[in-house]
Amino acid sequence: QVQLVESGGGLVQAGGFLILACAASGITFAIDTMGWYRQAPGKQRELVATISRGGITNYAAAVKGRFAISRDNASTTVYLQMNSLKPEDTAVYYCNAYRPDRLGSPQFLSGWGQGTQVTVSS
């Protein structure tokens, strides 16, 4: 199994800047894609951004143009640079890792951990 540890969350004012990091350990050789997800109180967990081993990125519409995902394949660490933060970005942020199955569907390699809290004040 893959173990993931998120860090970097905190309390910032609207318009602020924050960088999150997620370090993977364990059986990391099977990882293809890593991604960030978030869950606000009373809301479902939602996708924020993903990045493949080859560097292909995808973003949720709500964060496109403001957030940037990147990864260090050697250390198996994924980052989320968050700019122009808004109160609606307030959530617990989680990372995960997966590889595609034979049909291309994601097979997650870790359970959902503790995450890191991001709070944006207005």
C-alpha atoms as a PDB file:
ATOM      1  CA  GLN A   1       0.000   0.000   0.000  1.00  0.00           C
ATOM      2  CA  VAL A   2       1.001   3.606  -0.543  1.00  0.00           C
ATOM      3  CA  GLN A   3       1.180   5.975   2.396  1.00  0.00           C
ATOM      4  CA  LEU A   4       0.531   9.666   1.861  1.00  0.00           C
ATOM      5  CA  VAL A   5       1.169  12.607   4.164  1.00  0.00           C
ATOM      6  CA  GLU A   6      -0.237  16.032   3.358  1.00  0.00           C
ATOM      7  CA  SER A   7       1.214  19.235   4.742  1.00  0.00           C
ATOM      8  CA  GLY A   8       1.251  22.973   4.195  1.00  0.00           C
ATOM      9  CA  GLY A   9      -2.271  23.981   5.107  1.00  0.00           C
ATOM     10  CA  GLY A  10      -3.100  26.956   7.238  1.00  0.00           C
ATOM     11  CA  LEU A  11      -5.140  30.090   7.692  1.00  0.00           C
ATOM     12  CA  VAL A  12      -4.751  32.795   5.070  1.00  0.00           C
ATOM     13  CA  GLN A  13      -6.628  35.880   3.971  1.00  0.00           C
ATOM     14  CA  ALA A  14      -8.517  36.049   0.704  1.00  0.00           C
ATOM     15  CA  GLY A  15      -6.144  36.752  -2.133  1.00  0.00           C
ATOM     16  CA  GLY A  16      -3.325  34.991  -0.343  1.00  0.00           C
ATOM     17  CA  PHE A  17      -0.901  32.315  -1.410  1.00  0.00           C
ATOM     18  CA  LEU A  18      -0.282  28.818  -0.093  1.00  0.00           C
ATOM     19  CA  ILE A  19       1.624  25.719  -1.175  1.00  0.00           C
ATOM     20  CA  LEU A  20       0.610  22.222  -0.181  1.00  0.00           C
ATOM     21  CA  ALA A  21       2.829  19.166  -0.348  1.00  0.00           C
ATOM     22  CA  CYS A  22       2.081  15.477  -0.321  1.00  0.00           C
ATOM     23  CA  ALA A  23       4.803  12.902   0.173  1.00  0.00           C
ATOM     24  CA  ALA A  24       4.225   9.309  -0.841  1.00  0.00           C
ATOM     25  CA  SER A  25       5.965   6.303   0.595  1.00  0.00           C
ATOM     26  CA  GLY A  26       5.585   2.563   0.496  1.00  0.00           C
ATOM     27  CA  ILE A  27       4.926   0.796  -2.778  1.00  0.00           C
ATOM     28  CA  THR A  28       5.309   3.901  -4.908  1.00  0.00           C
ATOM     29  CA  PHE A  29       6.590   2.288  -8.097  1.00  0.00           C
ATOM     30  CA  ALA A  30       3.031   1.563  -9.186  1.00  0.00           C
ATOM     31  CA  ILE A  31       1.951   5.209  -9.062  1.00  0.00           C
ATOM     32  CA  ASP A  32       1.017   6.771 -12.351  1.00  0.00           C
ATOM     33  CA  THR A  33      -1.083   9.774 -11.415  1.00  0.00           C
ATOM     34  CA  MET A  34      -1.228  11.850  -8.269  1.00  0.00           C
ATOM     35  CA  GLY A  35      -3.918  14.304  -7.420  1.00  0.00           C
ATOM     36  CA  TRP A  36      -5.348  16.755  -4.953  1.00  0.00           C
ATOM     37  CA  TYR A  37      -8.905  16.611  -3.682  1.00  0.00           C
ATOM     38  CA  ARG A  38     -10.791  18.705  -1.181  1.00  0.00           C
ATOM     39  CA  GLN A  39     -13.830  18.436   1.024  1.00  0.00           C
ATOM     40  CA  ALA A  40     -15.621  21.378   2.568  1.00  0.00           C
ATOM     41  CA  PRO A  41     -17.919  20.931   5.577  1.00  0.00           C
ATOM     42  CA  GLY A  42     -21.189  19.360   4.500  1.00  0.00           C
ATOM     43  CA  LYS A  43     -19.956  18.880   0.949  1.00  0.00           C
ATOM     44  CA  GLN A  44     -18.759  15.936  -1.074  1.00  0.00           C
ATOM     45  CA  ARG A  45     -15.092  15.421  -1.755  1.00  0.00           C
ATOM     46  CA  GLU A  46     -14.204  16.952  -5.090  1.00  0.00           C
ATOM     47  CA  LEU A  47     -11.310  16.751  -7.471  1.00  0.00           C
ATOM     48  CA  VAL A  48      -9.001  19.761  -7.506  1.00  0.00           C
ATOM     49  CA  ALA A  49      -6.182  18.769  -9.842  1.00  0.00           C
ATOM     50  CA  THR A  50      -4.274  15.757 -11.118  1.00  0.00           C
ATOM     51  CA  ILE A  51      -0.899  15.221 -12.691  1.00  0.00           C
ATOM     52  CA  SER A  52       0.381  12.148 -14.483  1.00  0.00           C
ATOM     53  CA  ARG A  53       3.883  10.728 -14.303  1.00  0.00           C
ATOM     54  CA  GLY A  54       4.512  12.376 -17.659  1.00  0.00           C
ATOM     55  CA  GLY A  55       3.384  15.761 -16.402  1.00  0.00           C
ATOM     56  CA  ILE A  56      -0.074  15.961 -17.948  1.00  0.00           C
ATOM     57  CA  THR A  57      -2.274  18.105 -15.720  1.00  0.00           C
ATOM     58  CA  ASN A  58      -5.990  18.567 -15.260  1.00  0.00           C
ATOM     59  CA  TYR A  59      -7.808  21.102 -13.107  1.00  0.00           C
ATOM     60  CA  ALA A  60     -11.265  21.603 -11.773  1.00  0.00           C
ATOM     61  CA  ALA A  61     -12.965  24.606 -13.327  1.00  0.00           C
ATOM     62  CA  ALA A  62     -13.194  26.345  -9.962  1.00  0.00           C
ATOM     63  CA  VAL A  63      -9.423  26.495  -9.562  1.00  0.00           C
ATOM     64  CA  LYS A  64      -8.207  26.711 -13.141  1.00  0.00           C
ATOM     65  CA  GLY A  65      -5.916  29.664 -13.597  1.00  0.00           C
ATOM     66  CA  ARG A  66      -5.311  30.032  -9.868  1.00  0.00           C
ATOM     67  CA  PHE A  67      -3.845  26.697  -8.765  1.00  0.00           C
ATOM     68  CA  ALA A  68      -0.902  24.794 -10.183  1.00  0.00           C
ATOM     69  CA  ILE A  69      -0.072  21.167  -9.544  1.00  0.00           C
ATOM     70  CA  SER A  70       3.429  19.795  -9.921  1.00  0.00           C
ATOM     71  CA  ARG A  71       5.364  16.706  -8.899  1.00  0.00           C
ATOM     72  CA  ASP A  72       8.812  15.418  -8.185  1.00  0.00           C
ATOM     73  CA  ASN A  73       8.880  11.911  -9.598  1.00  0.00           C
ATOM     74  CA  ALA A  74      12.137  11.039  -7.865  1.00  0.00           C
ATOM     75  CA  SER A  75      10.816  11.800  -4.395  1.00  0.00           C
ATOM     76  CA  THR A  76       7.230  10.914  -5.306  1.00  0.00           C
ATOM     77  CA  THR A  77       5.965  14.189  -3.951  1.00  0.00           C
ATOM     78  CA  VAL A  78       3.134  16.237  -5.372  1.00  0.00           C
ATOM     79  CA  TYR A  79       2.605  19.932  -4.737  1.00  0.00           C
ATOM     80  CA  LEU A  80      -0.314  22.278  -5.083  1.00  0.00           C
ATOM     81  CA  GLN A  81       0.466  25.959  -5.490  1.00  0.00           C
ATOM     82  CA  MET A  82      -2.606  27.971  -4.639  1.00  0.00           C
ATOM     83  CA  ASN A  83      -2.828  31.613  -5.648  1.00  0.00           C
ATOM     84  CA  SER A  84      -5.583  34.188  -5.291  1.00  0.00           C
ATOM     85  CA  LEU A  85      -7.273  32.132  -2.618  1.00  0.00           C
ATOM     86  CA  LYS A  86     -10.977  32.620  -2.051  1.00  0.00           C
ATOM     87  CA  PRO A  87     -13.152  31.796   0.960  1.00  0.00           C
ATOM     88  CA  GLU A  88     -14.796  29.063  -1.093  1.00  0.00           C
ATOM     89  CA  ASP A  89     -11.424  27.318  -1.259  1.00  0.00           C
ATOM     90  CA  THR A  90     -11.754  26.562   2.446  1.00  0.00           C
ATOM     91  CA  ALA A  91     -11.671  22.799   2.864  1.00  0.00           C
ATOM     92  CA  VAL A  92      -9.637  19.862   4.003  1.00  0.00           C
ATOM     93  CA  TYR A  93      -7.263  19.024   1.186  1.00  0.00           C
ATOM     94  CA  TYR A  94      -6.288  15.430   0.506  1.00  0.00           C
ATOM     95  CA  CYS A  95      -3.942  13.824  -1.940  1.00  0.00           C
ATOM     96  CA  ASN A  96      -4.057  10.405  -3.479  1.00  0.00           C
ATOM     97  CA  ALA A  97      -2.269   8.313  -6.040  1.00  0.00           C
ATOM     98  CA  TYR A  98      -3.476   5.833  -8.595  1.00  0.00           C
ATOM     99  CA  ARG A  99      -2.661   3.780 -11.610  1.00  0.00           C
ATOM    100  CA  PRO A 100      -5.030   2.871 -14.425  1.00  0.00           C
ATOM    101  CA  ASP A 101      -6.541  -0.564 -14.663  1.00  0.00           C
ATOM    102  CA  ARG A 102      -6.702  -2.492 -17.912  1.00  0.00           C
ATOM    103  CA  LEU A 103      -9.593  -0.315 -19.073  1.00  0.00           C
ATOM    104  CA  GLY A 104      -7.997   2.951 -18.036  1.00  0.00           C
ATOM    105  CA  SER A 105     -10.064   3.492 -14.910  1.00  0.00           C
ATOM    106  CA  PRO A 106      -8.217   4.814 -11.834  1.00  0.00           C
ATOM    107  CA  GLN A 107      -7.206   2.341  -9.180  1.00  0.00           C
ATOM    108  CA  PHE A 108      -6.400   4.281  -6.031  1.00  0.00           C
ATOM    109  CA  LEU A 109      -3.352   3.097  -4.141  1.00  0.00           C
ATOM    110  CA  SER A 110      -4.093   4.681  -0.788  1.00  0.00           C
ATOM    111  CA  GLY A 111      -6.994   5.327   1.504  1.00  0.00           C
ATOM    112  CA  TRP A 112      -7.997   8.841   2.426  1.00  0.00           C
ATOM    113  CA  GLY A 113      -5.787  10.181   5.178  1.00  0.00           C
ATOM    114  CA  GLN A 114      -6.036  13.073   7.579  1.00  0.00           C
ATOM    115  CA  GLY A 115      -5.532  15.749   4.957  1.00  0.00           C
ATOM    116  CA  THR A 116      -4.453  19.302   5.624  1.00  0.00           C
ATOM    117  CA  GLN A 117      -6.830  22.110   6.522  1.00  0.00           C
ATOM    118  CA  VAL A 118      -6.915  25.224   4.373  1.00  0.00           C
ATOM    119  CA  THR A 119      -8.958  28.107   5.722  1.00  0.00           C
ATOM    120  CA  VAL A 120      -9.365  31.308   3.743  1.00  0.00           C
ATOM    121  CA  SER A 121     -10.805  34.245   5.629  1.00  0.00           C
ATOM    122  CA  SER A 122     -12.872  36.956   3.982  1.00  0.00           C
END
